[in-house]
N, C-alpha and C. Protein backbone atom coordinates (compact mmCIF):
# COMPACT_ATOMS: atom_id res chain seq x y z
N MET A 1 124.97 87.25 49.09
CA MET A 1 126.30 87.82 49.02
C MET A 1 126.25 89.32 49.29
N GLY A 2 125.32 90.05 48.65
CA GLY A 2 125.20 91.48 48.88
C GLY A 2 124.95 91.80 50.33
N ARG A 3 124.17 91.00 50.97
CA ARG A 3 123.83 91.22 52.38
C ARG A 3 125.07 91.04 53.26
N ILE A 4 125.88 90.08 52.94
CA ILE A 4 127.08 89.82 53.74
C ILE A 4 128.06 90.99 53.60
N CYS A 5 128.23 91.51 52.39
CA CYS A 5 129.21 92.56 52.15
C CYS A 5 128.73 93.94 52.55
N LEU A 6 127.45 94.22 52.40
CA LEU A 6 126.97 95.57 52.55
C LEU A 6 126.34 95.88 53.90
N VAL A 7 125.64 94.97 54.48
CA VAL A 7 124.98 95.25 55.76
C VAL A 7 125.32 94.16 56.75
N ARG A 8 125.32 94.55 57.98
CA ARG A 8 125.50 93.57 59.05
C ARG A 8 124.12 93.11 59.45
N CYS A 9 123.87 91.81 59.36
CA CYS A 9 122.53 91.26 59.63
C CYS A 9 122.06 91.61 61.03
N TRP A 10 120.77 91.94 61.11
CA TRP A 10 120.09 92.14 62.38
C TRP A 10 119.11 91.00 62.49
N PRO A 11 119.54 89.83 62.98
CA PRO A 11 118.70 88.64 62.94
C PRO A 11 117.34 88.79 63.61
N LYS A 12 117.23 89.59 64.65
CA LYS A 12 115.94 89.71 65.33
C LYS A 12 114.93 90.49 64.50
N SER A 13 115.38 91.52 63.79
CA SER A 13 114.44 92.34 63.04
C SER A 13 114.29 91.91 61.59
N HIS A 14 115.27 91.17 61.08
CA HIS A 14 115.21 90.77 59.67
C HIS A 14 116.00 89.48 59.48
N PRO A 15 115.41 88.35 59.82
CA PRO A 15 116.15 87.09 59.72
C PRO A 15 116.48 86.73 58.27
N CYS A 16 117.60 86.07 58.09
CA CYS A 16 117.97 85.61 56.76
C CYS A 16 117.06 84.44 56.38
N PRO A 17 116.45 84.49 55.18
CA PRO A 17 115.52 83.43 54.80
C PRO A 17 116.22 82.10 54.53
N ALA A 18 115.44 81.06 54.57
CA ALA A 18 115.96 79.72 54.28
C ALA A 18 116.47 79.68 52.84
N PRO A 19 117.65 79.11 52.61
CA PRO A 19 118.22 79.09 51.26
C PRO A 19 117.32 78.44 50.22
N PHE A 20 116.66 77.33 50.56
CA PHE A 20 115.81 76.65 49.58
C PHE A 20 114.65 77.55 49.16
N GLN A 21 114.01 78.17 50.11
CA GLN A 21 112.89 79.07 49.83
C GLN A 21 113.36 80.25 48.97
N ASN A 22 114.49 80.81 49.33
CA ASN A 22 115.04 81.95 48.60
C ASN A 22 115.37 81.56 47.16
N CYS A 23 116.07 80.45 46.98
CA CYS A 23 116.45 80.00 45.64
C CYS A 23 115.23 79.68 44.79
N THR A 24 114.25 79.02 45.38
CA THR A 24 113.03 78.68 44.64
C THR A 24 112.33 79.93 44.15
N TYR A 25 112.20 80.90 45.04
CA TYR A 25 111.52 82.15 44.69
C TYR A 25 112.25 82.87 43.56
N TYR A 26 113.55 83.13 43.73
CA TYR A 26 114.29 83.90 42.74
C TYR A 26 114.51 83.13 41.44
N TRP A 27 114.88 81.87 41.52
CA TRP A 27 115.11 81.10 40.31
C TRP A 27 113.81 80.85 39.56
N GLY A 28 112.76 80.58 40.29
CA GLY A 28 111.46 80.36 39.65
C GLY A 28 111.00 81.59 38.89
N PHE A 29 111.03 82.73 39.53
CA PHE A 29 110.64 83.96 38.85
C PHE A 29 111.60 84.30 37.72
N ALA A 30 112.91 84.09 37.93
CA ALA A 30 113.89 84.39 36.89
C ALA A 30 113.62 83.55 35.64
N ALA A 31 113.34 82.27 35.82
CA ALA A 31 113.05 81.39 34.68
C ALA A 31 111.78 81.83 33.96
N TRP A 32 110.76 82.17 34.75
CA TRP A 32 109.48 82.60 34.16
C TRP A 32 109.65 83.92 33.39
N MET A 33 110.37 84.87 33.98
CA MET A 33 110.59 86.15 33.30
C MET A 33 111.43 85.95 32.04
N ALA A 34 112.50 85.16 32.16
CA ALA A 34 113.38 84.93 31.01
C ALA A 34 112.64 84.26 29.87
N TYR A 35 111.75 83.32 30.20
CA TYR A 35 110.98 82.63 29.17
C TYR A 35 110.17 83.64 28.35
N TYR A 36 109.47 84.54 29.03
CA TYR A 36 108.63 85.50 28.32
C TYR A 36 109.44 86.56 27.60
N ILE A 37 110.48 87.06 28.24
CA ILE A 37 111.28 88.13 27.63
C ILE A 37 112.04 87.62 26.41
N ASN A 38 112.46 86.35 26.42
CA ASN A 38 113.23 85.79 25.31
C ASN A 38 112.40 84.96 24.34
N HIS A 39 111.11 84.93 24.53
CA HIS A 39 110.23 84.15 23.65
C HIS A 39 110.18 84.79 22.26
N PRO A 40 110.14 83.97 21.20
CA PRO A 40 110.09 84.52 19.83
C PRO A 40 108.88 85.43 19.59
N LEU A 41 107.81 85.24 20.33
CA LEU A 41 106.62 86.07 20.14
C LEU A 41 106.56 87.27 21.10
N TYR A 42 107.67 87.52 21.78
CA TYR A 42 107.73 88.67 22.71
C TYR A 42 107.45 89.95 21.94
N THR A 43 106.59 90.77 22.50
CA THR A 43 106.24 92.05 21.88
C THR A 43 107.08 93.15 22.53
N PRO A 44 107.83 93.89 21.74
CA PRO A 44 108.65 94.97 22.31
C PRO A 44 107.77 96.03 22.98
N PRO A 45 108.36 96.85 23.86
CA PRO A 45 107.59 97.88 24.54
C PRO A 45 106.83 98.78 23.57
N THR A 46 105.63 99.15 23.97
CA THR A 46 104.72 99.93 23.13
C THR A 46 105.35 101.22 22.62
N TYR A 47 106.07 101.92 23.48
CA TYR A 47 106.62 103.22 23.09
C TYR A 47 108.09 103.13 22.68
N GLY A 48 108.54 101.93 22.38
CA GLY A 48 109.86 101.70 21.82
C GLY A 48 111.02 102.16 22.68
N ALA A 49 112.02 102.75 22.00
CA ALA A 49 113.27 103.13 22.66
C ALA A 49 113.05 104.15 23.76
N GLN A 50 112.09 105.06 23.58
CA GLN A 50 111.83 106.07 24.63
C GLN A 50 111.41 105.40 25.93
N GLN A 51 110.53 104.42 25.83
CA GLN A 51 110.06 103.69 27.01
C GLN A 51 111.22 102.95 27.68
N VAL A 52 112.04 102.31 26.88
CA VAL A 52 113.17 101.55 27.41
C VAL A 52 114.17 102.49 28.09
N LYS A 53 114.48 103.62 27.46
CA LYS A 53 115.46 104.55 28.04
C LYS A 53 114.95 105.16 29.35
N LEU A 54 113.69 105.56 29.39
CA LEU A 54 113.12 106.12 30.62
C LEU A 54 113.13 105.07 31.74
N ALA A 55 112.69 103.86 31.41
CA ALA A 55 112.64 102.79 32.40
C ALA A 55 114.05 102.41 32.87
N LEU A 56 115.00 102.41 31.95
CA LEU A 56 116.39 102.11 32.32
C LEU A 56 116.93 103.18 33.27
N ALA A 57 116.60 104.44 33.01
CA ALA A 57 117.02 105.53 33.90
C ALA A 57 116.42 105.33 35.30
N ILE A 58 115.14 104.98 35.37
CA ILE A 58 114.49 104.71 36.66
C ILE A 58 115.21 103.56 37.36
N PHE A 59 115.48 102.49 36.63
CA PHE A 59 116.15 101.32 37.19
C PHE A 59 117.52 101.68 37.75
N VAL A 60 118.33 102.39 36.97
CA VAL A 60 119.70 102.72 37.38
C VAL A 60 119.69 103.67 38.58
N ILE A 61 118.84 104.69 38.55
CA ILE A 61 118.76 105.63 39.68
C ILE A 61 118.35 104.90 40.95
N CYS A 62 117.37 104.02 40.84
CA CYS A 62 116.92 103.27 42.02
C CYS A 62 117.98 102.29 42.51
N GLN A 63 118.74 101.70 41.62
CA GLN A 63 119.82 100.81 42.04
C GLN A 63 120.91 101.60 42.78
N LEU A 64 121.23 102.78 42.28
CA LEU A 64 122.21 103.63 42.97
C LEU A 64 121.68 104.04 44.34
N GLY A 65 120.39 104.36 44.41
CA GLY A 65 119.77 104.70 45.69
C GLY A 65 119.82 103.54 46.66
N ASN A 66 119.49 102.35 46.18
CA ASN A 66 119.49 101.16 47.03
C ASN A 66 120.91 100.90 47.57
N PHE A 67 121.89 101.01 46.70
CA PHE A 67 123.28 100.82 47.12
C PHE A 67 123.67 101.86 48.18
N SER A 68 123.30 103.12 47.95
CA SER A 68 123.63 104.19 48.89
C SER A 68 123.00 103.94 50.26
N ILE A 69 121.77 103.47 50.28
CA ILE A 69 121.09 103.20 51.55
C ILE A 69 121.77 102.03 52.26
N HIS A 70 122.11 100.99 51.52
CA HIS A 70 122.80 99.85 52.14
C HIS A 70 124.14 100.28 52.74
N MET A 71 124.85 101.16 52.05
CA MET A 71 126.13 101.64 52.60
C MET A 71 125.88 102.49 53.85
N ALA A 72 124.86 103.33 53.83
CA ALA A 72 124.54 104.15 55.00
C ALA A 72 124.14 103.27 56.18
N LEU A 73 123.36 102.23 55.93
CA LEU A 73 122.96 101.32 57.00
C LEU A 73 124.16 100.54 57.53
N ARG A 74 125.04 100.15 56.63
CA ARG A 74 126.24 99.43 57.06
C ARG A 74 127.10 100.30 57.97
N ASP A 75 127.22 101.57 57.62
CA ASP A 75 128.06 102.48 58.38
C ASP A 75 127.41 102.95 59.68
N LEU A 76 126.14 102.67 59.84
CA LEU A 76 125.40 103.11 61.03
C LEU A 76 125.88 102.39 62.29
N ARG A 77 126.31 101.16 62.13
CA ARG A 77 126.73 100.36 63.28
C ARG A 77 128.12 99.78 63.00
N PRO A 78 129.09 100.13 63.85
CA PRO A 78 130.43 99.56 63.65
C PRO A 78 130.41 98.04 63.81
N ALA A 79 131.34 97.37 63.14
CA ALA A 79 131.43 95.91 63.23
C ALA A 79 131.59 95.48 64.68
N GLY A 80 130.82 94.49 65.07
CA GLY A 80 130.89 93.94 66.42
C GLY A 80 130.07 94.69 67.45
N SER A 81 129.52 95.83 67.07
CA SER A 81 128.73 96.63 68.00
C SER A 81 127.28 96.15 68.03
N LYS A 82 126.64 96.30 69.18
CA LYS A 82 125.23 95.96 69.29
C LYS A 82 124.37 97.21 69.42
N THR A 83 125.01 98.37 69.33
CA THR A 83 124.30 99.63 69.44
C THR A 83 123.49 99.89 68.18
N ARG A 84 122.23 100.23 68.39
CA ARG A 84 121.37 100.57 67.25
C ARG A 84 121.13 102.07 67.27
N LYS A 85 121.10 102.66 66.08
CA LYS A 85 120.88 104.09 65.95
C LYS A 85 119.76 104.34 64.94
N ILE A 86 119.16 105.50 65.05
CA ILE A 86 118.15 105.91 64.07
C ILE A 86 118.88 106.32 62.80
N PRO A 87 118.50 105.76 61.65
CA PRO A 87 119.14 106.20 60.40
C PRO A 87 118.64 107.59 60.00
N TYR A 88 119.56 108.46 59.65
CA TYR A 88 119.24 109.81 59.20
C TYR A 88 119.91 110.05 57.85
N PRO A 89 119.41 111.02 57.08
CA PRO A 89 120.05 111.36 55.81
C PRO A 89 121.47 111.87 56.03
N THR A 90 122.29 111.66 55.01
CA THR A 90 123.66 112.18 55.01
C THR A 90 123.76 113.20 53.88
N LYS A 91 124.98 113.56 53.50
CA LYS A 91 125.17 114.48 52.38
C LYS A 91 124.82 113.83 51.04
N ASN A 92 124.80 112.52 51.01
CA ASN A 92 124.45 111.79 49.80
C ASN A 92 122.95 111.98 49.53
N PRO A 93 122.57 112.59 48.41
CA PRO A 93 121.15 112.87 48.15
C PRO A 93 120.25 111.63 48.12
N PHE A 94 120.81 110.48 47.82
CA PHE A 94 119.99 109.26 47.82
C PHE A 94 119.51 108.91 49.23
N THR A 95 120.24 109.34 50.24
CA THR A 95 119.84 109.04 51.62
C THR A 95 118.77 109.99 52.13
N TRP A 96 118.44 111.02 51.39
CA TRP A 96 117.43 111.98 51.84
C TRP A 96 116.06 111.34 51.99
N LEU A 97 115.87 110.21 51.36
CA LEU A 97 114.60 109.49 51.50
C LEU A 97 114.37 109.05 52.95
N PHE A 98 115.44 109.01 53.75
CA PHE A 98 115.28 108.71 55.18
C PHE A 98 114.41 109.76 55.88
N LEU A 99 114.24 110.92 55.30
CA LEU A 99 113.36 111.94 55.88
C LEU A 99 111.90 111.49 55.84
N LEU A 100 111.57 110.62 54.89
CA LEU A 100 110.17 110.27 54.66
C LEU A 100 109.81 108.83 54.98
N VAL A 101 110.78 107.92 54.88
CA VAL A 101 110.48 106.50 55.10
C VAL A 101 111.52 105.84 55.99
N SER A 102 111.11 104.80 56.67
CA SER A 102 112.01 104.05 57.55
C SER A 102 112.92 103.10 56.77
N CYS A 103 112.44 102.60 55.64
CA CYS A 103 113.18 101.59 54.87
C CYS A 103 113.34 102.03 53.41
N PRO A 104 114.13 103.08 53.16
CA PRO A 104 114.28 103.54 51.78
C PRO A 104 114.96 102.52 50.87
N ASN A 105 115.70 101.56 51.44
CA ASN A 105 116.29 100.52 50.60
C ASN A 105 115.19 99.73 49.90
N TYR A 106 114.09 99.47 50.60
CA TYR A 106 112.96 98.76 49.98
C TYR A 106 112.25 99.66 48.96
N THR A 107 112.13 100.94 49.27
CA THR A 107 111.51 101.88 48.34
C THR A 107 112.28 101.89 47.03
N TYR A 108 113.60 101.99 47.13
CA TYR A 108 114.43 102.00 45.93
C TYR A 108 114.38 100.66 45.20
N GLU A 109 114.36 99.56 45.94
CA GLU A 109 114.32 98.25 45.28
C GLU A 109 113.01 98.06 44.50
N VAL A 110 111.91 98.45 45.12
CA VAL A 110 110.62 98.36 44.42
C VAL A 110 110.65 99.26 43.18
N GLY A 111 111.23 100.45 43.31
CA GLY A 111 111.36 101.34 42.16
C GLY A 111 112.16 100.72 41.03
N SER A 112 113.22 100.00 41.38
CA SER A 112 114.04 99.32 40.37
C SER A 112 113.22 98.29 39.61
N TRP A 113 112.45 97.50 40.35
CA TRP A 113 111.65 96.46 39.70
C TRP A 113 110.51 97.05 38.89
N ILE A 114 109.96 98.15 39.32
CA ILE A 114 108.93 98.82 38.52
C ILE A 114 109.56 99.33 37.23
N GLY A 115 110.76 99.90 37.32
CA GLY A 115 111.47 100.33 36.12
C GLY A 115 111.73 99.18 35.17
N PHE A 116 112.13 98.04 35.71
CA PHE A 116 112.37 96.86 34.88
C PHE A 116 111.07 96.37 34.25
N ALA A 117 109.98 96.41 35.00
CA ALA A 117 108.68 96.00 34.46
C ALA A 117 108.25 96.92 33.31
N ILE A 118 108.47 98.21 33.47
CA ILE A 118 108.15 99.16 32.39
C ILE A 118 109.05 98.90 31.19
N MET A 119 110.32 98.64 31.45
CA MET A 119 111.28 98.40 30.38
C MET A 119 110.92 97.18 29.55
N THR A 120 110.52 96.10 30.21
CA THR A 120 110.25 94.85 29.50
C THR A 120 108.80 94.73 29.07
N GLN A 121 107.92 95.47 29.74
CA GLN A 121 106.48 95.40 29.49
C GLN A 121 106.02 93.94 29.50
N CYS A 122 106.36 93.27 30.58
CA CYS A 122 106.15 91.83 30.67
C CYS A 122 105.40 91.50 31.96
N LEU A 123 104.33 90.73 31.86
CA LEU A 123 103.50 90.39 33.01
C LEU A 123 104.26 89.66 34.12
N PRO A 124 105.10 88.66 33.82
CA PRO A 124 105.83 88.01 34.91
C PRO A 124 106.71 88.98 35.71
N VAL A 125 107.29 89.97 35.04
CA VAL A 125 108.11 90.96 35.74
C VAL A 125 107.23 91.82 36.64
N ALA A 126 106.06 92.21 36.13
CA ALA A 126 105.13 93.00 36.94
C ALA A 126 104.67 92.20 38.17
N LEU A 127 104.40 90.92 37.99
CA LEU A 127 103.99 90.09 39.13
C LEU A 127 105.13 89.91 40.13
N PHE A 128 106.34 89.74 39.63
CA PHE A 128 107.50 89.65 40.51
C PHE A 128 107.63 90.94 41.33
N SER A 129 107.43 92.07 40.66
CA SER A 129 107.50 93.37 41.35
C SER A 129 106.43 93.46 42.43
N LEU A 130 105.23 93.00 42.12
CA LEU A 130 104.13 93.06 43.09
C LEU A 130 104.38 92.15 44.29
N VAL A 131 104.84 90.92 44.03
CA VAL A 131 105.13 89.99 45.12
C VAL A 131 106.28 90.54 45.98
N GLY A 132 107.30 91.07 45.33
CA GLY A 132 108.42 91.66 46.06
C GLY A 132 107.98 92.86 46.89
N PHE A 133 107.14 93.70 46.31
CA PHE A 133 106.62 94.86 47.04
C PHE A 133 105.83 94.41 48.27
N THR A 134 105.01 93.38 48.11
CA THR A 134 104.22 92.88 49.23
C THR A 134 105.13 92.39 50.35
N GLN A 135 106.14 91.59 50.02
CA GLN A 135 107.06 91.08 51.04
C GLN A 135 107.86 92.20 51.69
N MET A 136 108.36 93.13 50.88
CA MET A 136 109.15 94.22 51.44
C MET A 136 108.30 95.15 52.31
N THR A 137 107.02 95.28 51.98
CA THR A 137 106.11 96.07 52.81
C THR A 137 105.95 95.43 54.18
N ILE A 138 105.83 94.11 54.21
CA ILE A 138 105.73 93.39 55.49
C ILE A 138 106.99 93.63 56.32
N TRP A 139 108.16 93.49 55.69
CA TRP A 139 109.42 93.72 56.40
C TRP A 139 109.52 95.17 56.87
N ALA A 140 109.16 96.11 55.98
CA ALA A 140 109.27 97.54 56.32
C ALA A 140 108.36 97.90 57.49
N LYS A 141 107.15 97.37 57.50
CA LYS A 141 106.24 97.64 58.62
C LYS A 141 106.82 97.11 59.92
N GLY A 142 107.42 95.93 59.87
CA GLY A 142 108.04 95.36 61.06
C GLY A 142 109.21 96.20 61.56
N LYS A 143 110.07 96.64 60.64
CA LYS A 143 111.20 97.48 61.04
C LYS A 143 110.71 98.82 61.59
N HIS A 144 109.69 99.38 60.94
CA HIS A 144 109.13 100.66 61.38
C HIS A 144 108.59 100.54 62.80
N ARG A 145 107.83 99.48 63.06
CA ARG A 145 107.30 99.26 64.42
C ARG A 145 108.45 99.12 65.42
N SER A 146 109.48 98.39 65.01
CA SER A 146 110.64 98.19 65.88
C SER A 146 111.32 99.52 66.20
N TYR A 147 111.50 100.37 65.20
CA TYR A 147 112.10 101.69 65.43
C TYR A 147 111.24 102.52 66.38
N LEU A 148 109.92 102.51 66.17
CA LEU A 148 109.02 103.29 67.02
C LEU A 148 109.07 102.83 68.47
N LYS A 149 109.17 101.51 68.67
CA LYS A 149 109.26 100.96 70.03
C LYS A 149 110.58 101.30 70.70
N GLU A 150 111.64 101.17 69.94
CA GLU A 150 112.98 101.30 70.51
C GLU A 150 113.42 102.75 70.74
N PHE A 151 112.99 103.65 69.86
CA PHE A 151 113.46 105.04 69.92
C PHE A 151 112.30 106.00 70.18
N ARG A 152 112.32 106.63 71.33
CA ARG A 152 111.26 107.59 71.67
C ARG A 152 111.28 108.81 70.76
N ASP A 153 112.47 109.18 70.30
CA ASP A 153 112.60 110.37 69.46
C ASP A 153 112.60 110.03 67.96
N TYR A 154 112.03 108.88 67.61
CA TYR A 154 111.99 108.49 66.19
C TYR A 154 111.13 109.49 65.43
N PRO A 155 111.58 109.93 64.24
CA PRO A 155 110.83 110.93 63.48
C PRO A 155 109.38 110.47 63.21
N PRO A 156 108.40 111.24 63.69
CA PRO A 156 107.00 110.81 63.62
C PRO A 156 106.39 110.82 62.22
N LEU A 157 106.97 111.56 61.29
CA LEU A 157 106.38 111.65 59.95
C LEU A 157 106.82 110.55 59.00
N ARG A 158 107.77 109.75 59.42
CA ARG A 158 108.25 108.66 58.54
C ARG A 158 107.19 107.58 58.42
N MET A 159 107.08 107.06 57.21
CA MET A 159 106.22 105.92 56.93
C MET A 159 107.14 104.72 56.68
N PRO A 160 106.61 103.50 56.68
CA PRO A 160 107.48 102.33 56.48
C PRO A 160 108.19 102.28 55.13
N ILE A 161 107.44 102.44 54.00
CA ILE A 161 108.06 102.20 52.69
C ILE A 161 107.69 103.23 51.63
N ILE A 162 106.46 103.74 51.65
CA ILE A 162 106.02 104.72 50.65
C ILE A 162 105.72 106.04 51.35
N PRO A 163 106.42 107.11 50.95
CA PRO A 163 106.20 108.40 51.61
C PRO A 163 104.73 108.81 51.62
N PHE A 164 104.26 109.24 52.77
CA PHE A 164 102.91 109.77 52.99
C PHE A 164 101.79 108.75 52.88
N LEU A 165 102.08 107.51 52.52
CA LEU A 165 101.02 106.51 52.31
C LEU A 165 101.15 105.27 53.18
N LEU A 166 102.26 104.58 53.05
CA LEU A 166 102.38 103.24 53.65
C LEU A 166 103.74 103.05 54.29
């Protein structure tokens, strides 16, 4: 649903996954995370409320960043147009990550899940974050390669997903 409302699909560079595979992945992980987080023997975060508040702040900031990037990407191409453009930062500070990475939406999403993992201090959440990071890295590398091929003037210092590293 978010993809339909916020971004116009680019089927060649990022195909929509099969619904069964998508549902299995998300529902399976959601059930596993919920089981551990709601289990009677669940251990609260080691550093208590401070840990939860910091992690919640990370989560919320990254969600706002992810939303901002999706809106910027949506606005990059008018409806019905096939013209592709290089994404650049706007006045919105969340879009400034475009200076460093090709896919800041993935950077922010991974940050959100890391914040949630810190907040819950739960192994299934950490594994979900790792699996998600791995998949988003594959997608980001593909998009980055596509940008480099398509645009001769693509900013050379951008990395796919993690500034200065990956």
